[in-house]
Amino acid sequence: MGNIMNWDDTIWAQKELERKEAKEPLKELGQPKDRKDSDQNSKVEKKPEVPIWYKVNLTLEETAAYFGIGINKLREITNEKDCNFVLFIGRKRLIKRRQFEEYLAQRCVI
């Protein structure tokens, strides 16, 4: 039993600690380890985020958050035939914000 070494005393343990210490500052600074990571991150982050009040057309979720109306109620309103403020792109519904504001201004009850 006298020949059993403690892992913390070995050269491999010291080298592993050095590697971990070298990697930690990179994580703290937010720097990627290699080029592949930086290329992927830059592609994902290029899409600008536009505030809701600048958008012309809103999704149902954005409209619900902006006007305080439930998504189910918005679906019910946009299913009507005389609804002129909805824009369908395939199955996706977009609501024309300005026309919807005018629609709400004319209504007392929804």
PDB file of N, CA and C in Angstrom:
ATOM      1  N   MET A   1       0.800  -1.187   0.000  1.00  0.00           N
ATOM      2  CA  MET A   1       0.000   0.000   0.000  1.00  0.00           C
ATOM      3  C   MET A   1       0.845   1.252   0.000  1.00  0.00           C
ATOM      4  N   GLY A   2       2.088   1.155   0.275  1.00  0.00           N
ATOM      5  CA  GLY A   2       2.962   2.306   0.280  1.00  0.00           C
ATOM      6  C   GLY A   2       3.213   2.855  -1.107  1.00  0.00           C
ATOM      7  N   ASN A   3       2.928   2.090  -2.177  1.00  0.00           N
ATOM      8  CA  ASN A   3       3.185   2.516  -3.544  1.00  0.00           C
ATOM      9  C   ASN A   3       2.038   3.313  -4.161  1.00  0.00           C
ATOM     10  N   ILE A   4       0.927   3.429  -3.490  1.00  0.00           N
ATOM     11  CA  ILE A   4      -0.216   4.153  -4.046  1.00  0.00           C
ATOM     12  C   ILE A   4       0.056   5.647  -3.945  1.00  0.00           C
ATOM     13  N   MET A   5      -0.052   6.304  -5.116  1.00  0.00           N
ATOM     14  CA  MET A   5       0.216   7.747  -5.164  1.00  0.00           C
ATOM     15  C   MET A   5      -1.096   8.519  -5.123  1.00  0.00           C
ATOM     16  N   ASN A   6      -1.032   9.663  -4.585  1.00  0.00           N
ATOM     17  CA  ASN A   6      -2.170  10.568  -4.586  1.00  0.00           C
ATOM     18  C   ASN A   6      -2.242  11.249  -5.959  1.00  0.00           C
ATOM     19  N   TRP A   7      -3.426  11.289  -6.557  1.00  0.00           N
ATOM     20  CA  TRP A   7      -3.593  11.859  -7.895  1.00  0.00           C
ATOM     21  C   TRP A   7      -3.144  13.317  -7.949  1.00  0.00           C
ATOM     22  N   ASP A   8      -3.388  14.079  -6.923  1.00  0.00           N
ATOM     23  CA  ASP A   8      -3.045  15.500  -6.915  1.00  0.00           C
ATOM     24  C   ASP A   8      -1.538  15.742  -6.979  1.00  0.00           C
ATOM     25  N   ASP A   9      -0.746  14.748  -6.631  1.00  0.00           N
ATOM     26  CA  ASP A   9       0.708  14.912  -6.626  1.00  0.00           C
ATOM     27  C   ASP A   9       1.345  14.544  -7.960  1.00  0.00           C
ATOM     28  N   THR A  10       0.626  13.989  -8.892  1.00  0.00           N
ATOM     29  CA  THR A  10       1.216  13.522 -10.146  1.00  0.00           C
ATOM     30  C   THR A  10       1.401  14.668 -11.127  1.00  0.00           C
ATOM     31  N   ILE A  11       2.273  14.436 -12.095  1.00  0.00           N
ATOM     32  CA  ILE A  11       2.546  15.427 -13.138  1.00  0.00           C
ATOM     33  C   ILE A  11       1.305  15.653 -13.991  1.00  0.00           C
ATOM     34  N   TRP A  12       0.545  14.590 -14.247  1.00  0.00           N
ATOM     35  CA  TRP A  12      -0.654  14.708 -15.086  1.00  0.00           C
ATOM     36  C   TRP A  12      -1.702  15.600 -14.432  1.00  0.00           C
ATOM     37  N   ALA A  13      -1.812  15.494 -13.127  1.00  0.00           N
ATOM     38  CA  ALA A  13      -2.780  16.337 -12.415  1.00  0.00           C
ATOM     39  C   ALA A  13      -2.372  17.800 -12.499  1.00  0.00           C
ATOM     40  N   GLN A  14      -1.073  18.059 -12.384  1.00  0.00           N
ATOM     41  CA  GLN A  14      -0.605  19.442 -12.475  1.00  0.00           C
ATOM     42  C   GLN A  14      -0.835  20.011 -13.876  1.00  0.00           C
ATOM     43  N   LYS A  15      -0.588  19.183 -14.907  1.00  0.00           N
ATOM     44  CA  LYS A  15      -0.815  19.640 -16.276  1.00  0.00           C
ATOM     45  C   LYS A  15      -2.301  19.895 -16.540  1.00  0.00           C
ATOM     46  N   GLU A  16      -3.150  19.056 -15.982  1.00  0.00           N
ATOM     47  CA  GLU A  16      -4.589  19.251 -16.150  1.00  0.00           C
ATOM     48  C   GLU A  16      -5.043  20.534 -15.476  1.00  0.00           C
ATOM     49  N   LEU A  17      -4.517  20.828 -14.305  1.00  0.00           N
ATOM     50  CA  LEU A  17      -4.841  22.081 -13.625  1.00  0.00           C
ATOM     51  C   LEU A  17      -4.388  23.283 -14.438  1.00  0.00           C
ATOM     52  N   GLU A  18      -3.222  23.196 -15.040  1.00  0.00           N
ATOM     53  CA  GLU A  18      -2.723  24.291 -15.869  1.00  0.00           C
ATOM     54  C   GLU A  18      -3.627  24.518 -17.078  1.00  0.00           C
ATOM     55  N   ARG A  19      -4.087  23.422 -17.685  1.00  0.00           N
ATOM     56  CA  ARG A  19      -4.989  23.543 -18.830  1.00  0.00           C
ATOM     57  C   ARG A  19      -6.309  24.187 -18.419  1.00  0.00           C
ATOM     58  N   LYS A  20      -6.847  23.786 -17.277  1.00  0.00           N
ATOM     59  CA  LYS A  20      -8.105  24.357 -16.808  1.00  0.00           C
ATOM     60  C   LYS A  20      -7.954  25.836 -16.512  1.00  0.00           C
ATOM     61  N   GLU A  21      -6.837  26.216 -15.901  1.00  0.00           N
ATOM     62  CA  GLU A  21      -6.599  27.623 -15.590  1.00  0.00           C
ATOM     63  C   GLU A  21      -6.438  28.444 -16.859  1.00  0.00           C
ATOM     64  N   ALA A  22      -5.836  27.845 -17.881  1.00  0.00           N
ATOM     65  CA  ALA A  22      -5.654  28.550 -19.142  1.00  0.00           C
ATOM     66  C   ALA A  22      -6.987  28.736 -19.861  1.00  0.00           C
ATOM     67  N   LYS A  23      -7.918  27.803 -19.719  1.00  0.00           N
ATOM     68  CA  LYS A  23      -9.212  27.890 -20.400  1.00  0.00           C
ATOM     69  C   LYS A  23     -10.169  28.838 -19.687  1.00  0.00           C
ATOM     70  N   GLU A  24     -10.100  28.951 -18.390  1.00  0.00           N
ATOM     71  CA  GLU A  24     -11.042  29.771 -17.633  1.00  0.00           C
ATOM     72  C   GLU A  24     -11.025  31.241 -18.019  1.00  0.00           C
ATOM     73  N   PRO A  25      -9.864  31.884 -18.224  1.00  0.00           N
ATOM     74  CA  PRO A  25      -9.904  33.288 -18.624  1.00  0.00           C
ATOM     75  C   PRO A  25     -10.599  33.490 -19.969  1.00  0.00           C
ATOM     76  N   LEU A  26     -10.487  32.529 -20.890  1.00  0.00           N
ATOM     77  CA  LEU A  26     -11.162  32.647 -22.170  1.00  0.00           C
ATOM     78  C   LEU A  26     -12.674  32.619 -21.989  1.00  0.00           C
ATOM     79  N   LYS A  27     -13.166  31.768 -21.105  1.00  0.00           N
ATOM     80  CA  LYS A  27     -14.599  31.691 -20.870  1.00  0.00           C
ATOM     81  C   LYS A  27     -15.105  32.969 -20.220  1.00  0.00           C
ATOM     82  N   GLU A  28     -14.334  33.530 -19.312  1.00  0.00           N
ATOM     83  CA  GLU A  28     -14.765  34.736 -18.616  1.00  0.00           C
ATOM     84  C   GLU A  28     -14.840  35.926 -19.566  1.00  0.00           C
ATOM     85  N   LEU A  29     -13.896  36.009 -20.501  1.00  0.00           N
ATOM     86  CA  LEU A  29     -13.888  37.113 -21.436  1.00  0.00           C
ATOM     87  C   LEU A  29     -14.881  36.909 -22.571  1.00  0.00           C
ATOM     88  N   GLY A  30     -15.381  35.698 -22.724  1.00  0.00           N
ATOM     89  CA  GLY A  30     -16.341  35.423 -23.771  1.00  0.00           C
ATOM     90  C   GLY A  30     -15.696  35.192 -25.124  1.00  0.00           C
ATOM     91  N   GLN A  31     -14.400  34.904 -25.143  1.00  0.00           N
ATOM     92  CA  GLN A  31     -13.711  34.664 -26.393  1.00  0.00           C
ATOM     93  C   GLN A  31     -13.878  33.204 -26.802  1.00  0.00           C
ATOM     94  N   PRO A  32     -14.174  32.952 -28.079  1.00  0.00           N
ATOM     95  CA  PRO A  32     -14.312  31.576 -28.529  1.00  0.00           C
ATOM     96  C   PRO A  32     -12.964  30.870 -28.575  1.00  0.00           C
ATOM     97  N   LYS A  33     -12.999  29.556 -28.473  1.00  0.00           N
ATOM     98  CA  LYS A  33     -11.772  28.772 -28.458  1.00  0.00           C
ATOM     99  C   LYS A  33     -11.138  28.686 -29.837  1.00  0.00           C
ATOM    100  N   ASP A  34     -11.939  28.497 -30.874  1.00  0.00           N
ATOM    101  CA  ASP A  34     -11.387  28.371 -32.209  1.00  0.00           C
ATOM    102  C   ASP A  34     -12.254  29.110 -33.216  1.00  0.00           C
ATOM    103  N   ARG A  35     -11.838  29.120 -34.471  1.00  0.00           N
ATOM    104  CA  ARG A  35     -12.524  29.880 -35.503  1.00  0.00           C
ATOM    105  C   ARG A  35     -13.934  29.390 -35.783  1.00  0.00           C
ATOM    106  N   LYS A  36     -14.147  28.109 -35.736  1.00  0.00           N
ATOM    107  CA  LYS A  36     -15.456  27.565 -36.065  1.00  0.00           C
ATOM    108  C   LYS A  36     -16.525  28.153 -35.147  1.00  0.00           C
ATOM    109  N   ASP A  37     -16.228  28.259 -33.864  1.00  0.00           N
ATOM    110  CA  ASP A  37     -17.185  28.830 -32.916  1.00  0.00           C
ATOM    111  C   ASP A  37     -17.453  30.297 -33.223  1.00  0.00           C
ATOM    112  N   SER A  38     -16.414  31.054 -33.549  1.00  0.00           N
ATOM    113  CA  SER A  38     -16.603  32.480 -33.799  1.00  0.00           C
ATOM    114  C   SER A  38     -17.388  32.715 -35.079  1.00  0.00           C
ATOM    115  N   ASP A  39     -17.199  31.880 -36.113  1.00  0.00           N
ATOM    116  CA  ASP A  39     -17.957  32.025 -37.352  1.00  0.00           C
ATOM    117  C   ASP A  39     -19.428  31.737 -37.118  1.00  0.00           C
ATOM    118  N   GLN A  40     -19.743  30.715 -36.354  1.00  0.00           N
ATOM    119  CA  GLN A  40     -21.129  30.369 -36.090  1.00  0.00           C
ATOM    120  C   GLN A  40     -21.803  31.433 -35.240  1.00  0.00           C
ATOM    121  N   ASN A  41     -21.113  31.950 -34.245  1.00  0.00           N
ATOM    122  CA  ASN A  41     -21.696  32.975 -33.383  1.00  0.00           C
ATOM    123  C   ASN A  41     -21.966  34.258 -34.151  1.00  0.00           C
ATOM    124  N   SER A  42     -21.060  34.635 -35.058  1.00  0.00           N
ATOM    125  CA  SER A  42     -21.255  35.869 -35.803  1.00  0.00           C
ATOM    126  C   SER A  42     -22.416  35.747 -36.778  1.00  0.00           C
ATOM    127  N   LYS A  43     -22.639  34.554 -37.340  1.00  0.00           N
ATOM    128  CA  LYS A  43     -23.759  34.363 -38.255  1.00  0.00           C
ATOM    129  C   LYS A  43     -25.082  34.460 -37.516  1.00  0.00           C
ATOM    130  N   VAL A  44     -25.145  33.943 -36.325  1.00  0.00           N
ATOM    131  CA  VAL A  44     -26.379  33.954 -35.551  1.00  0.00           C
ATOM    132  C   VAL A  44     -26.698  35.364 -35.067  1.00  0.00           C
ATOM    133  N   GLU A  45     -25.715  36.126 -34.688  1.00  0.00           N
ATOM    134  CA  GLU A  45     -25.924  37.444 -34.085  1.00  0.00           C
ATOM    135  C   GLU A  45     -26.155  38.555 -35.108  1.00  0.00           C
ATOM    136  N   LYS A  46     -26.053  38.285 -36.402  1.00  0.00           N
ATOM    137  CA  LYS A  46     -26.178  39.336 -37.402  1.00  0.00           C
ATOM    138  C   LYS A  46     -27.604  39.836 -37.581  1.00  0.00           C
ATOM    139  N   LYS A  47     -28.600  39.052 -37.203  1.00  0.00           N
ATOM    140  CA  LYS A  47     -29.992  39.461 -37.403  1.00  0.00           C
ATOM    141  C   LYS A  47     -30.350  40.564 -36.406  1.00  0.00           C
ATOM    142  N   PRO A  48     -30.663  41.763 -36.902  1.00  0.00           N
ATOM    143  CA  PRO A  48     -31.004  42.855 -35.981  1.00  0.00           C
ATOM    144  C   PRO A  48     -32.394  42.657 -35.402  1.00  0.00           C
ATOM    145  N   GLU A  49     -32.568  43.082 -34.187  1.00  0.00           N
ATOM    146  CA  GLU A  49     -33.863  42.988 -33.528  1.00  0.00           C
ATOM    147  C   GLU A  49     -34.528  44.354 -33.572  1.00  0.00           C
ATOM    148  N   VAL A  50     -35.705  44.392 -34.167  1.00  0.00           N
ATOM    149  CA  VAL A  50     -36.442  45.638 -34.349  1.00  0.00           C
ATOM    150  C   VAL A  50     -37.492  45.744 -33.246  1.00  0.00           C
ATOM    151  N   PRO A  51     -37.589  46.887 -32.579  1.00  0.00           N
ATOM    152  CA  PRO A  51     -38.632  47.056 -31.549  1.00  0.00           C
ATOM    153  C   PRO A  51     -40.027  46.934 -32.157  1.00  0.00           C
ATOM    154  N   ILE A  52     -40.981  46.488 -31.361  1.00  0.00           N
ATOM    155  CA  ILE A  52     -42.338  46.249 -31.842  1.00  0.00           C
ATOM    156  C   ILE A  52     -42.966  47.516 -32.404  1.00  0.00           C
ATOM    157  N   TRP A  53     -42.743  48.665 -31.782  1.00  0.00           N
ATOM    158  CA  TRP A  53     -43.415  49.893 -32.214  1.00  0.00           C
ATOM    159  C   TRP A  53     -42.889  50.402 -33.553  1.00  0.00           C
ATOM    160  N   TYR A  54     -41.772  49.861 -34.068  1.00  0.00           N
ATOM    161  CA  TYR A  54     -41.283  50.214 -35.394  1.00  0.00           C
ATOM    162  C   TYR A  54     -41.792  49.268 -36.482  1.00  0.00           C
ATOM    163  N   LYS A  55     -42.294  48.115 -36.093  1.00  0.00           N
ATOM    164  CA  LYS A  55     -42.723  47.121 -37.070  1.00  0.00           C
ATOM    165  C   LYS A  55     -44.061  47.509 -37.683  1.00  0.00           C
ATOM    166  N   VAL A  56     -44.199  47.235 -38.967  1.00  0.00           N
ATOM    167  CA  VAL A  56     -45.449  47.501 -39.666  1.00  0.00           C
ATOM    168  C   VAL A  56     -46.407  46.341 -39.451  1.00  0.00           C
ATOM    169  N   ASN A  57     -45.904  45.118 -39.568  1.00  0.00           N
ATOM    170  CA  ASN A  57     -46.714  43.914 -39.380  1.00  0.00           C
ATOM    171  C   ASN A  57     -46.234  43.179 -38.134  1.00  0.00           C
ATOM    172  N   LEU A  58     -47.181  42.700 -37.341  1.00  0.00           N
ATOM    173  CA  LEU A  58     -46.867  42.014 -36.097  1.00  0.00           C
ATOM    174  C   LEU A  58     -47.393  40.587 -36.134  1.00  0.00           C
ATOM    175  N   THR A  59     -46.695  39.676 -35.471  1.00  0.00           N
ATOM    176  CA  THR A  59     -47.213  38.326 -35.299  1.00  0.00           C
ATOM    177  C   THR A  59     -48.313  38.361 -34.241  1.00  0.00           C
ATOM    178  N   LEU A  60     -49.017  37.254 -34.105  1.00  0.00           N
ATOM    179  CA  LEU A  60     -50.080  37.206 -33.092  1.00  0.00           C
ATOM    180  C   LEU A  60     -49.517  37.409 -31.688  1.00  0.00           C
ATOM    181  N   GLU A  61     -48.362  36.819 -31.413  1.00  0.00           N
ATOM    182  CA  GLU A  61     -47.755  36.962 -30.091  1.00  0.00           C
ATOM    183  C   GLU A  61     -47.349  38.408 -29.816  1.00  0.00           C
ATOM    184  N   GLU A  62     -46.760  39.055 -30.822  1.00  0.00           N
ATOM    185  CA  GLU A  62     -46.356  40.455 -30.660  1.00  0.00           C
ATOM    186  C   GLU A  62     -47.582  41.356 -30.498  1.00  0.00           C
ATOM    187  N   THR A  63     -48.629  41.073 -31.267  1.00  0.00           N
ATOM    188  CA  THR A  63     -49.858  41.863 -31.166  1.00  0.00           C
ATOM    189  C   THR A  63     -50.500  41.706 -29.799  1.00  0.00           C
ATOM    190  N   ALA A  64     -50.511  40.473 -29.302  1.00  0.00           N
ATOM    191  CA  ALA A  64     -51.081  40.224 -27.978  1.00  0.00           C
ATOM    192  C   ALA A  64     -50.315  40.989 -26.906  1.00  0.00           C
ATOM    193  N   ALA A  65     -49.000  41.010 -27.004  1.00  0.00           N
ATOM    194  CA  ALA A  65     -48.193  41.730 -26.023  1.00  0.00           C
ATOM    195  C   ALA A  65     -48.357  43.241 -26.161  1.00  0.00           C
ATOM    196  N   TYR A  66     -48.429  43.719 -27.381  1.00  0.00           N
ATOM    197  CA  TYR A  66     -48.502  45.164 -27.643  1.00  0.00           C
ATOM    198  C   TYR A  66     -49.848  45.752 -27.244  1.00  0.00           C
ATOM    199  N   PHE A  67     -50.946  45.074 -27.586  1.00  0.00           N
ATOM    200  CA  PHE A  67     -52.279  45.614 -27.347  1.00  0.00           C
ATOM    201  C   PHE A  67     -52.958  45.049 -26.109  1.00  0.00           C
ATOM    202  N   GLY A  68     -52.416  43.994 -25.537  1.00  0.00           N
ATOM    203  CA  GLY A  68     -53.015  43.409 -24.349  1.00  0.00           C
ATOM    204  C   GLY A  68     -54.267  42.602 -24.637  1.00  0.00           C
ATOM    205  N   ILE A  69     -54.310  41.989 -25.804  1.00  0.00           N
ATOM    206  CA  ILE A  69     -55.448  41.155 -26.203  1.00  0.00           C
ATOM    207  C   ILE A  69     -54.935  39.725 -26.312  1.00  0.00           C
ATOM    208  N   GLY A  70     -55.739  38.761 -25.913  1.00  0.00           N
ATOM    209  CA  GLY A  70     -55.321  37.365 -25.961  1.00  0.00           C
ATOM    210  C   GLY A  70     -55.154  36.839 -27.375  1.00  0.00           C
ATOM    211  N   ILE A  71     -54.299  35.856 -27.520  1.00  0.00           N
ATOM    212  CA  ILE A  71     -54.028  35.274 -28.837  1.00  0.00           C
ATOM    213  C   ILE A  71     -55.277  34.601 -29.399  1.00  0.00           C
ATOM    214  N   ASN A  72     -56.040  33.911 -28.561  1.00  0.00           N
ATOM    215  CA  ASN A  72     -57.257  33.251 -29.047  1.00  0.00           C
ATOM    216  C   ASN A  72     -58.269  34.276 -29.562  1.00  0.00           C
ATOM    217  N   LYS A  73     -58.389  35.390 -28.885  1.00  0.00           N
ATOM    218  CA  LYS A  73     -59.303  36.446 -29.330  1.00  0.00           C
ATOM    219  C   LYS A  73     -58.814  37.036 -30.655  1.00  0.00           C
ATOM    220  N   LEU A  74     -57.511  37.199 -30.799  1.00  0.00           N
ATOM    221  CA  LEU A  74     -56.965  37.704 -32.058  1.00  0.00           C
ATOM    222  C   LEU A  74     -57.238  36.739 -33.203  1.00  0.00           C
ATOM    223  N   ARG A  75     -57.106  35.445 -32.938  1.00  0.00           N
ATOM    224  CA  ARG A  75     -57.418  34.454 -33.979  1.00  0.00           C
ATOM    225  C   ARG A  75     -58.892  34.542 -34.371  1.00  0.00           C
ATOM    226  N   GLU A  76     -59.753  34.698 -33.377  1.00  0.00           N
ATOM    227  CA  GLU A  76     -61.192  34.804 -33.624  1.00  0.00           C
ATOM    228  C   GLU A  76     -61.509  36.042 -34.478  1.00  0.00           C
ATOM    229  N   ILE A  77     -60.882  37.166 -34.162  1.00  0.00           N
ATOM    230  CA  ILE A  77     -61.105  38.400 -34.913  1.00  0.00           C
ATOM    231  C   ILE A  77     -60.579  38.264 -36.344  1.00  0.00           C
ATOM    232  N   THR A  78     -59.402  37.675 -36.506  1.00  0.00           N
ATOM    233  CA  THR A  78     -58.792  37.579 -37.837  1.00  0.00           C
ATOM    234  C   THR A  78     -59.430  36.502 -38.697  1.00  0.00           C
ATOM    235  N   ASN A  79     -60.250  35.632 -38.137  1.00  0.00           N
ATOM    236  CA  ASN A  79     -60.962  34.632 -38.935  1.00  0.00           C
ATOM    237  C   ASN A  79     -62.165  35.216 -39.663  1.00  0.00           C
ATOM    238  N   GLU A  80     -62.622  36.403 -39.274  1.00  0.00           N
ATOM    239  CA  GLU A  80     -63.772  37.034 -39.914  1.00  0.00           C
ATOM    240  C   GLU A  80     -63.448  37.391 -41.359  1.00  0.00           C
ATOM    241  N   LYS A  81     -64.466  37.328 -42.215  1.00  0.00           N
ATOM    242  CA  LYS A  81     -64.265  37.586 -43.650  1.00  0.00           C
ATOM    243  C   LYS A  81     -63.979  39.054 -43.946  1.00  0.00           C
ATOM    244  N   ASP A  82     -64.548  39.972 -43.191  1.00  0.00           N
ATOM    245  CA  ASP A  82     -64.358  41.395 -43.459  1.00  0.00           C
ATOM    246  C   ASP A  82     -63.124  41.976 -42.766  1.00  0.00           C
ATOM    247  N   CYS A  83     -62.262  41.117 -42.281  1.00  0.00           N
ATOM    248  CA  CYS A  83     -61.046  41.554 -41.587  1.00  0.00           C
ATOM    249  C   CYS A  83     -60.024  42.021 -42.632  1.00  0.00           C
ATOM    250  N   ASN A  84     -59.756  43.326 -42.650  1.00  0.00           N
ATOM    251  CA  ASN A  84     -58.836  43.871 -43.650  1.00  0.00           C
ATOM    252  C   ASN A  84     -57.444  44.168 -43.081  1.00  0.00           C
ATOM    253  N   PHE A  85     -57.185  43.846 -41.838  1.00  0.00           N
ATOM    254  CA  PHE A  85     -55.892  44.157 -41.233  1.00  0.00           C
ATOM    255  C   PHE A  85     -55.021  42.927 -41.032  1.00  0.00           C
ATOM    256  N   VAL A  86     -55.419  41.789 -41.605  1.00  0.00           N
ATOM    257  CA  VAL A  86     -54.621  40.582 -41.465  1.00  0.00           C
ATOM    258  C   VAL A  86     -53.931  40.280 -42.788  1.00  0.00           C
ATOM    259  N   LEU A  87     -52.694  39.817 -42.708  1.00  0.00           N
ATOM    260  CA  LEU A  87     -51.903  39.446 -43.867  1.00  0.00           C
ATOM    261  C   LEU A  87     -51.461  38.007 -43.663  1.00  0.00           C
ATOM    262  N   PHE A  88     -51.849  37.131 -44.569  1.00  0.00           N
ATOM    263  CA  PHE A  88     -51.454  35.726 -44.469  1.00  0.00           C
ATOM    264  C   PHE A  88     -50.235  35.491 -45.351  1.00  0.00           C
ATOM    265  N   ILE A  89     -49.218  34.909 -44.755  1.00  0.00           N
ATOM    266  CA  ILE A  89     -48.047  34.460 -45.495  1.00  0.00           C
ATOM    267  C   ILE A  89     -47.988  32.959 -45.269  1.00  0.00           C
ATOM    268  N   GLY A  90     -48.559  32.221 -46.201  1.00  0.00           N
ATOM    269  CA  GLY A  90     -48.736  30.791 -45.996  1.00  0.00           C
ATOM    270  C   GLY A  90     -49.756  30.590 -44.895  1.00  0.00           C
ATOM    271  N   ARG A  91     -49.359  29.916 -43.843  1.00  0.00           N
ATOM    272  CA  ARG A  91     -50.245  29.725 -42.687  1.00  0.00           C
ATOM    273  C   ARG A  91     -49.989  30.758 -41.592  1.00  0.00           C
ATOM    274  N   LYS A  92     -48.958  31.547 -41.772  1.00  0.00           N
ATOM    275  CA  LYS A  92     -48.591  32.541 -40.762  1.00  0.00           C
ATOM    276  C   LYS A  92     -49.467  33.782 -40.898  1.00  0.00           C
ATOM    277  N   ARG A  93     -50.004  34.252 -39.785  1.00  0.00           N
ATOM    278  CA  ARG A  93     -50.834  35.457 -39.761  1.00  0.00           C
ATOM    279  C   ARG A  93     -50.009  36.623 -39.246  1.00  0.00           C
ATOM    280  N   LEU A  94     -50.004  37.680 -40.010  1.00  0.00           N
ATOM    281  CA  LEU A  94     -49.404  38.924 -39.558  1.00  0.00           C
ATOM    282  C   LEU A  94     -50.510  39.970 -39.496  1.00  0.00           C
ATOM    283  N   ILE A  95     -50.454  40.792 -38.506  1.00  0.00           N
ATOM    284  CA  ILE A  95     -51.476  41.825 -38.320  1.00  0.00           C
ATOM    285  C   ILE A  95     -50.856  43.179 -38.643  1.00  0.00           C
ATOM    286  N   LYS A  96     -51.521  43.905 -39.524  1.00  0.00           N
ATOM    287  CA  LYS A  96     -51.071  45.245 -39.904  1.00  0.00           C
ATOM    288  C   LYS A  96     -51.372  46.171 -38.737  1.00  0.00           C
ATOM    289  N   ARG A  97     -50.314  46.640 -38.115  1.00  0.00           N
ATOM    290  CA  ARG A  97     -50.438  47.349 -36.842  1.00  0.00           C
ATOM    291  C   ARG A  97     -51.297  48.606 -36.933  1.00  0.00           C
ATOM    292  N   ARG A  98     -51.064  49.466 -37.907  1.00  0.00           N
ATOM    293  CA  ARG A  98     -51.801  50.736 -38.004  1.00  0.00           C
ATOM    294  C   ARG A  98     -53.282  50.510 -38.289  1.00  0.00           C
ATOM    295  N   GLN A  99     -53.564  49.576 -39.184  1.00  0.00           N
ATOM    296  CA  GLN A  99     -54.970  49.299 -39.498  1.00  0.00           C
ATOM    297  C   GLN A  99     -55.672  48.657 -38.304  1.00  0.00           C
ATOM    298  N   PHE A 100     -54.933  47.841 -37.541  1.00  0.00           N
ATOM    299  CA  PHE A 100     -55.525  47.228 -36.353  1.00  0.00           C
ATOM    300  C   PHE A 100     -55.800  48.290 -35.279  1.00  0.00           C
ATOM    301  N   GLU A 101     -54.920  49.286 -35.167  1.00  0.00           N
ATOM    302  CA  GLU A 101     -55.154  50.395 -34.234  1.00  0.00           C
ATOM    303  C   GLU A 101     -56.423  51.146 -34.612  1.00  0.00           C
ATOM    304  N   GLU A 102     -56.639  51.380 -35.906  1.00  0.00           N
ATOM    305  CA  GLU A 102     -57.857  52.050 -36.370  1.00  0.00           C
ATOM    306  C   GLU A 102     -59.091  51.192 -36.080  1.00  0.00           C
ATOM    307  N   TYR A 103     -58.963  49.895 -36.285  1.00  0.00           N
ATOM    308  CA  TYR A 103     -60.064  48.968 -35.994  1.00  0.00           C
ATOM    309  C   TYR A 103     -60.441  49.040 -34.521  1.00  0.00           C
ATOM    310  N   LEU A 104     -59.455  49.049 -33.645  1.00  0.00           N
ATOM    311  CA  LEU A 104     -59.709  49.121 -32.211  1.00  0.00           C
ATOM    312  C   LEU A 104     -60.304  50.469 -31.813  1.00  0.00           C
ATOM    313  N   ALA A 105     -59.896  51.530 -32.494  1.00  0.00           N
ATOM    314  CA  ALA A 105     -60.419  52.862 -32.186  1.00  0.00           C
ATOM    315  C   ALA A 105     -61.906  52.973 -32.507  1.00  0.00           C
ATOM    316  N   GLN A 106     -62.363  52.204 -33.486  1.00  0.00           N
ATOM    317  CA  GLN A 106     -63.769  52.244 -33.887  1.00  0.00           C
ATOM    318  C   GLN A 106     -64.645  51.345 -33.009  1.00  0.00           C
ATOM    319  N   ARG A 107     -64.069  50.407 -32.297  1.00  0.00           N
ATOM    320  CA  ARG A 107     -64.832  49.440 -31.499  1.00  0.00           C
ATOM    321  C   ARG A 107     -64.908  49.852 -30.049  1.00  0.00           C
ATOM    322  N   CYS A 108     -66.039  49.506 -29.437  1.00  0.00           N
ATOM    323  CA  CYS A 108     -66.184  49.707 -27.991  1.00  0.00           C
ATOM    324  C   CYS A 108     -66.013  48.381 -27.262  1.00  0.00           C
ATOM    325  N   VAL A 109     -66.426  47.293 -27.921  1.00  0.00           N
ATOM    326  CA  VAL A 109     -66.356  45.961 -27.325  1.00  0.00           C
ATOM    327  C   VAL A 109     -65.765  45.014 -28.366  1.00  0.00           C
ATOM    328  N   ILE A 110     -64.924  44.144 -27.896  1.00  0.00           N
ATOM    329  CA  ILE A 110     -64.355  43.135 -28.808  1.00  0.00           C
ATOM    330  C   ILE A 110     -64.905  41.785 -28.437  1.00  0.00           C
TER     331      ILE A 110
END
